[in-house]
Amino acid sequence: MQKLTNKEEEIMHILWKLEKAFVKDVLNEVKDDKPHYNTLSTIIRNLEEKGYVGHNAYGNTHQYFPVVTKEDYRKGFMSNAIENYFNNSYKSMISFFAKEEKISAEELREILDMIEKKK
């Protein structure tokens, strides 16, 4: 999977939410820093070239839809982050969040319970 720019990722979140959309529908959902219609159309076509989006043609108009699920993207994103920032160590990732006080001991116990139940 090719890496997405921040703007491409923002557009993918909109397409995952809408499931199917014309460029104008996506434009209506962009909250901050709205791109020009033609710029947004180019971003969506780039997403299609990267294999994230497909389309149905209705005359000269295209309705776009995601072909990569949010879950598949999340898995790839997290795998890359763990590999690139935590030396491929989930332990390092969890300890980072614990040191930053982003995860509590209670939440860690819940994670351990989930792991033990899967065994």
N, C-alpha and C. Protein backbone atom coordinates (compact mmCIF):
# COMPACT_ATOMS: atom_id res chain seq x y z
N MET A 1 0.83 -1.18 0.00
CA MET A 1 0.00 0.00 0.00
C MET A 1 0.88 1.24 0.00
N GLN A 2 0.60 2.14 -0.92
CA GLN A 2 1.34 3.40 -0.96
C GLN A 2 0.91 4.30 0.19
N LYS A 3 1.88 5.06 0.69
CA LYS A 3 1.59 6.00 1.77
C LYS A 3 0.72 7.15 1.26
N LEU A 4 -0.17 7.62 2.11
CA LEU A 4 -1.05 8.74 1.75
C LEU A 4 -0.54 10.03 2.37
N THR A 5 -0.80 11.13 1.67
CA THR A 5 -0.53 12.44 2.25
C THR A 5 -1.61 12.73 3.29
N ASN A 6 -1.39 13.74 4.11
CA ASN A 6 -2.40 14.10 5.12
C ASN A 6 -3.74 14.43 4.46
N LYS A 7 -3.71 15.17 3.36
CA LYS A 7 -4.95 15.56 2.68
C LYS A 7 -5.63 14.33 2.08
N GLU A 8 -4.84 13.42 1.48
CA GLU A 8 -5.43 12.20 0.92
C GLU A 8 -6.08 11.37 2.02
N GLU A 9 -5.42 11.29 3.16
CA GLU A 9 -5.99 10.54 4.28
C GLU A 9 -7.29 11.19 4.76
N GLU A 10 -7.32 12.50 4.82
CA GLU A 10 -8.54 13.22 5.20
C GLU A 10 -9.68 12.89 4.24
N ILE A 11 -9.38 12.87 2.94
CA ILE A 11 -10.39 12.56 1.92
C ILE A 11 -10.85 11.12 2.05
N MET A 12 -9.93 10.20 2.34
CA MET A 12 -10.31 8.80 2.52
C MET A 12 -11.27 8.65 3.70
N HIS A 13 -11.03 9.37 4.79
CA HIS A 13 -11.95 9.30 5.93
C HIS A 13 -13.36 9.76 5.53
N ILE A 14 -13.42 10.77 4.68
CA ILE A 14 -14.72 11.24 4.19
C ILE A 14 -15.37 10.16 3.32
N LEU A 15 -14.59 9.55 2.43
CA LEU A 15 -15.15 8.51 1.55
C LEU A 15 -15.57 7.28 2.36
N TRP A 16 -14.81 6.91 3.38
CA TRP A 16 -15.23 5.79 4.24
C TRP A 16 -16.56 6.12 4.91
N LYS A 17 -16.72 7.36 5.34
CA LYS A 17 -17.96 7.79 6.00
C LYS A 17 -19.14 7.78 5.02
N LEU A 18 -18.93 8.35 3.83
CA LEU A 18 -20.02 8.48 2.86
C LEU A 18 -20.29 7.20 2.07
N GLU A 19 -19.28 6.35 1.94
CA GLU A 19 -19.32 5.08 1.19
C GLU A 19 -19.32 5.28 -0.32
N LYS A 20 -20.10 6.19 -0.86
CA LYS A 20 -20.11 6.56 -2.28
C LYS A 20 -20.33 8.06 -2.34
N ALA A 21 -19.58 8.74 -3.22
CA ALA A 21 -19.74 10.19 -3.27
C ALA A 21 -19.20 10.77 -4.57
N PHE A 22 -19.85 11.83 -5.01
CA PHE A 22 -19.34 12.65 -6.10
C PHE A 22 -18.38 13.67 -5.48
N VAL A 23 -17.54 14.29 -6.29
CA VAL A 23 -16.56 15.25 -5.78
C VAL A 23 -17.25 16.33 -4.96
N LYS A 24 -18.40 16.83 -5.43
CA LYS A 24 -19.10 17.91 -4.70
C LYS A 24 -19.55 17.43 -3.31
N ASP A 25 -19.91 16.14 -3.18
CA ASP A 25 -20.30 15.59 -1.87
C ASP A 25 -19.11 15.59 -0.92
N VAL A 26 -17.95 15.19 -1.45
CA VAL A 26 -16.74 15.17 -0.62
C VAL A 26 -16.38 16.59 -0.22
N LEU A 27 -16.45 17.52 -1.16
CA LEU A 27 -16.13 18.92 -0.88
C LEU A 27 -17.00 19.48 0.24
N ASN A 28 -18.27 19.11 0.25
CA ASN A 28 -19.18 19.57 1.31
C ASN A 28 -18.78 19.07 2.69
N GLU A 29 -18.06 17.94 2.75
CA GLU A 29 -17.65 17.34 4.03
C GLU A 29 -16.31 17.85 4.54
N VAL A 30 -15.52 18.48 3.69
CA VAL A 30 -14.21 18.99 4.11
C VAL A 30 -14.45 20.13 5.09
N LYS A 31 -13.86 20.00 6.28
CA LYS A 31 -14.12 20.98 7.35
C LYS A 31 -13.23 22.21 7.22
N ASP A 32 -11.92 22.01 7.23
CA ASP A 32 -10.99 23.14 7.23
C ASP A 32 -10.20 23.15 5.93
N ASP A 33 -9.78 24.33 5.53
CA ASP A 33 -8.91 24.48 4.37
C ASP A 33 -9.48 23.78 3.14
N LYS A 34 -10.70 24.17 2.78
CA LYS A 34 -11.38 23.56 1.62
C LYS A 34 -10.58 23.78 0.35
N PRO A 35 -10.25 22.70 -0.35
CA PRO A 35 -9.54 22.87 -1.62
C PRO A 35 -10.51 23.31 -2.72
N HIS A 36 -9.98 23.82 -3.81
CA HIS A 36 -10.78 24.13 -4.98
C HIS A 36 -11.34 22.82 -5.53
N TYR A 37 -12.49 22.85 -6.15
CA TYR A 37 -13.13 21.66 -6.71
C TYR A 37 -12.15 20.86 -7.58
N ASN A 38 -11.42 21.54 -8.48
CA ASN A 38 -10.49 20.84 -9.38
C ASN A 38 -9.34 20.20 -8.62
N THR A 39 -8.88 20.86 -7.57
CA THR A 39 -7.81 20.30 -6.74
C THR A 39 -8.30 19.03 -6.05
N LEU A 40 -9.50 19.09 -5.50
CA LEU A 40 -10.08 17.92 -4.84
C LEU A 40 -10.26 16.78 -5.84
N SER A 41 -10.72 17.09 -7.02
CA SER A 41 -10.90 16.08 -8.06
C SER A 41 -9.56 15.40 -8.37
N THR A 42 -8.49 16.17 -8.43
CA THR A 42 -7.14 15.62 -8.67
C THR A 42 -6.71 14.72 -7.52
N ILE A 43 -6.97 15.14 -6.28
CA ILE A 43 -6.61 14.33 -5.12
C ILE A 43 -7.33 12.99 -5.18
N ILE A 44 -8.61 13.00 -5.51
CA ILE A 44 -9.39 11.77 -5.58
C ILE A 44 -8.88 10.88 -6.71
N ARG A 45 -8.54 11.47 -7.86
CA ARG A 45 -7.99 10.67 -8.96
C ARG A 45 -6.63 10.06 -8.57
N ASN A 46 -5.84 10.82 -7.78
CA ASN A 46 -4.56 10.27 -7.28
C ASN A 46 -4.81 9.08 -6.35
N LEU A 47 -5.85 9.18 -5.52
CA LEU A 47 -6.22 8.06 -4.64
C LEU A 47 -6.62 6.85 -5.47
N GLU A 48 -7.27 7.10 -6.59
CA GLU A 48 -7.66 6.01 -7.48
C GLU A 48 -6.42 5.37 -8.10
N GLU A 49 -5.47 6.19 -8.53
CA GLU A 49 -4.22 5.67 -9.10
C GLU A 49 -3.44 4.84 -8.08
N LYS A 50 -3.51 5.23 -6.82
CA LYS A 50 -2.81 4.51 -5.75
C LYS A 50 -3.56 3.24 -5.34
N GLY A 51 -4.77 3.04 -5.86
CA GLY A 51 -5.53 1.83 -5.57
C GLY A 51 -6.43 1.90 -4.36
N TYR A 52 -6.69 3.10 -3.86
CA TYR A 52 -7.54 3.25 -2.68
C TYR A 52 -9.01 3.49 -3.03
N VAL A 53 -9.25 3.99 -4.25
CA VAL A 53 -10.58 4.44 -4.64
C VAL A 53 -10.93 3.89 -6.02
N GLY A 54 -12.20 3.59 -6.21
CA GLY A 54 -12.73 3.22 -7.52
C GLY A 54 -13.83 4.19 -7.89
N HIS A 55 -14.39 4.04 -9.09
CA HIS A 55 -15.48 4.94 -9.47
C HIS A 55 -16.47 4.25 -10.40
N ASN A 56 -17.67 4.78 -10.40
CA ASN A 56 -18.70 4.46 -11.38
C ASN A 56 -18.92 5.71 -12.20
N ALA A 57 -18.94 5.55 -13.53
CA ALA A 57 -19.12 6.70 -14.42
C ALA A 57 -20.60 6.87 -14.75
N TYR A 58 -21.05 8.11 -14.68
CA TYR A 58 -22.40 8.49 -15.09
C TYR A 58 -22.23 9.64 -16.07
N GLY A 59 -22.08 9.32 -17.34
CA GLY A 59 -21.76 10.34 -18.33
C GLY A 59 -20.38 10.88 -18.05
N ASN A 60 -20.29 12.19 -17.89
CA ASN A 60 -19.01 12.83 -17.60
C ASN A 60 -18.72 12.91 -16.10
N THR A 61 -19.65 12.44 -15.29
CA THR A 61 -19.51 12.54 -13.84
C THR A 61 -19.12 11.19 -13.25
N HIS A 62 -18.26 11.23 -12.25
CA HIS A 62 -17.83 10.00 -11.58
C HIS A 62 -18.28 10.00 -10.12
N GLN A 63 -18.80 8.85 -9.71
CA GLN A 63 -19.12 8.65 -8.30
C GLN A 63 -18.02 7.75 -7.74
N TYR A 64 -17.35 8.21 -6.70
CA TYR A 64 -16.19 7.49 -6.15
C TYR A 64 -16.58 6.70 -4.92
N PHE A 65 -15.82 5.63 -4.68
CA PHE A 65 -16.04 4.79 -3.51
C PHE A 65 -14.71 4.18 -3.08
N PRO A 66 -14.54 3.92 -1.78
CA PRO A 66 -13.29 3.32 -1.31
C PRO A 66 -13.21 1.85 -1.72
N VAL A 67 -12.03 1.42 -2.13
CA VAL A 67 -11.82 -0.01 -2.41
C VAL A 67 -10.90 -0.63 -1.34
N VAL A 68 -10.30 0.21 -0.52
CA VAL A 68 -9.53 -0.24 0.64
C VAL A 68 -10.37 0.08 1.86
N THR A 69 -10.58 -0.90 2.71
CA THR A 69 -11.38 -0.66 3.91
C THR A 69 -10.58 0.15 4.93
N LYS A 70 -11.29 0.81 5.80
CA LYS A 70 -10.65 1.58 6.87
C LYS A 70 -9.82 0.64 7.75
N GLU A 71 -10.33 -0.55 8.00
CA GLU A 71 -9.63 -1.54 8.84
C GLU A 71 -8.32 -1.97 8.18
N ASP A 72 -8.33 -2.25 6.88
CA ASP A 72 -7.10 -2.65 6.19
C ASP A 72 -6.09 -1.51 6.20
N TYR A 73 -6.56 -0.28 6.01
CA TYR A 73 -5.66 0.86 6.05
C TYR A 73 -5.06 1.01 7.44
N ARG A 74 -5.89 0.87 8.47
CA ARG A 74 -5.42 0.99 9.85
C ARG A 74 -4.34 -0.04 10.15
N LYS A 75 -4.56 -1.28 9.71
CA LYS A 75 -3.57 -2.34 9.95
C LYS A 75 -2.23 -1.99 9.31
N GLY A 76 -2.27 -1.55 8.05
CA GLY A 76 -1.04 -1.17 7.36
C GLY A 76 -0.37 0.03 8.00
N PHE A 77 -1.18 1.02 8.38
CA PHE A 77 -0.66 2.23 9.01
C PHE A 77 0.04 1.89 10.32
N MET A 78 -0.62 1.08 11.14
CA MET A 78 -0.05 0.73 12.44
C MET A 78 1.21 -0.14 12.28
N SER A 79 1.18 -1.07 11.35
CA SER A 79 2.37 -1.91 11.11
C SER A 79 3.55 -1.05 10.72
N ASN A 80 3.33 -0.08 9.82
CA ASN A 80 4.41 0.82 9.41
C ASN A 80 4.90 1.67 10.57
N ALA A 81 3.99 2.19 11.38
CA ALA A 81 4.38 3.03 12.51
C ALA A 81 5.20 2.23 13.52
N ILE A 82 4.78 1.01 13.81
CA ILE A 82 5.50 0.19 14.78
C ILE A 82 6.88 -0.18 14.23
N GLU A 83 6.93 -0.49 12.94
CA GLU A 83 8.22 -0.83 12.32
C GLU A 83 9.15 0.37 12.30
N ASN A 84 8.65 1.54 11.90
CA ASN A 84 9.49 2.72 11.71
C ASN A 84 9.83 3.48 12.99
N TYR A 85 8.95 3.44 13.99
CA TYR A 85 9.17 4.25 15.18
C TYR A 85 9.44 3.45 16.45
N PHE A 86 9.16 2.15 16.42
CA PHE A 86 9.33 1.34 17.63
C PHE A 86 10.14 0.08 17.38
N ASN A 87 10.99 0.11 16.34
CA ASN A 87 11.86 -1.03 16.00
C ASN A 87 11.10 -2.35 15.93
N ASN A 88 9.91 -2.27 15.39
CA ASN A 88 9.06 -3.46 15.20
C ASN A 88 8.71 -4.14 16.52
N SER A 89 8.66 -3.37 17.60
CA SER A 89 8.38 -3.91 18.93
C SER A 89 7.09 -3.33 19.48
N TYR A 90 6.10 -4.20 19.66
CA TYR A 90 4.84 -3.75 20.26
C TYR A 90 5.06 -3.37 21.73
N LYS A 91 6.00 -4.07 22.37
CA LYS A 91 6.34 -3.75 23.76
C LYS A 91 6.85 -2.31 23.86
N SER A 92 7.72 -1.92 22.93
CA SER A 92 8.23 -0.54 22.93
C SER A 92 7.11 0.46 22.71
N MET A 93 6.16 0.11 21.84
CA MET A 93 5.04 1.01 21.58
C MET A 93 4.20 1.19 22.84
N ILE A 94 3.86 0.09 23.50
CA ILE A 94 3.03 0.17 24.71
C ILE A 94 3.76 0.92 25.82
N SER A 95 5.05 0.66 25.98
CA SER A 95 5.80 1.36 27.03
C SER A 95 5.89 2.86 26.73
N PHE A 96 5.97 3.22 25.44
CA PHE A 96 5.96 4.63 25.06
C PHE A 96 4.67 5.29 25.55
N PHE A 97 3.53 4.65 25.28
CA PHE A 97 2.25 5.23 25.69
C PHE A 97 2.11 5.26 27.21
N ALA A 98 2.66 4.26 27.88
CA ALA A 98 2.62 4.26 29.34
C ALA A 98 3.46 5.41 29.90
N LYS A 99 4.67 5.61 29.36
CA LYS A 99 5.54 6.71 29.82
C LYS A 99 4.91 8.07 29.54
N GLU A 100 4.20 8.19 28.45
CA GLU A 100 3.55 9.45 28.09
C GLU A 100 2.21 9.62 28.82
N GLU A 101 1.87 8.64 29.66
CA GLU A 101 0.62 8.64 30.42
C GLU A 101 -0.60 8.70 29.51
N LYS A 102 -0.51 8.01 28.37
CA LYS A 102 -1.62 7.92 27.42
C LYS A 102 -2.43 6.65 27.65
N ILE A 103 -1.90 5.75 28.48
CA ILE A 103 -2.60 4.50 28.79
C ILE A 103 -2.43 4.23 30.28
N SER A 104 -3.49 3.78 30.92
CA SER A 104 -3.44 3.54 32.37
C SER A 104 -3.14 2.07 32.66
N ALA A 105 -2.81 1.81 33.91
CA ALA A 105 -2.57 0.43 34.35
C ALA A 105 -3.84 -0.40 34.17
N GLU A 106 -4.98 0.20 34.44
CA GLU A 106 -6.26 -0.51 34.27
C GLU A 106 -6.47 -0.90 32.81
N GLU A 107 -6.17 0.01 31.90
CA GLU A 107 -6.30 -0.29 30.47
C GLU A 107 -5.33 -1.39 30.06
N LEU A 108 -4.13 -1.38 30.62
CA LEU A 108 -3.16 -2.45 30.32
C LEU A 108 -3.67 -3.80 30.82
N ARG A 109 -4.30 -3.80 32.01
CA ARG A 109 -4.88 -5.04 32.52
C ARG A 109 -5.99 -5.56 31.60
N GLU A 110 -6.80 -4.63 31.07
CA GLU A 110 -7.86 -5.02 30.14
C GLU A 110 -7.26 -5.64 28.87
N ILE A 111 -6.16 -5.07 28.40
CA ILE A 111 -5.48 -5.62 27.22
C ILE A 111 -4.95 -7.01 27.52
N LEU A 112 -4.34 -7.18 28.69
CA LEU A 112 -3.85 -8.51 29.09
C LEU A 112 -4.99 -9.52 29.16
N ASP A 113 -6.12 -9.11 29.69
CA ASP A 113 -7.29 -10.00 29.75
C ASP A 113 -7.73 -10.41 28.35
N MET A 114 -7.75 -9.46 27.42
CA MET A 114 -8.13 -9.78 26.03
C MET A 114 -7.16 -10.78 25.42
N ILE A 115 -5.87 -10.58 25.67
CA ILE A 115 -4.85 -11.49 25.12
C ILE A 115 -5.01 -12.89 25.71
N GLU A 116 -5.20 -12.95 27.00
CA GLU A 116 -5.33 -14.25 27.67
C GLU A 116 -6.60 -14.97 27.23
N LYS A 117 -7.66 -14.27 26.96
CA LYS A 117 -8.90 -14.90 26.52
C LYS A 117 -8.79 -15.48 25.11
N LYS A 118 -7.88 -14.92 24.30
CA LYS A 118 -7.69 -15.43 22.93
C LYS A 118 -6.85 -16.70 22.90
N LYS A 119 -6.13 -16.97 23.97
CA LYS A 119 -5.25 -18.17 24.01
C LYS A 119 -6.04 -19.43 24.15
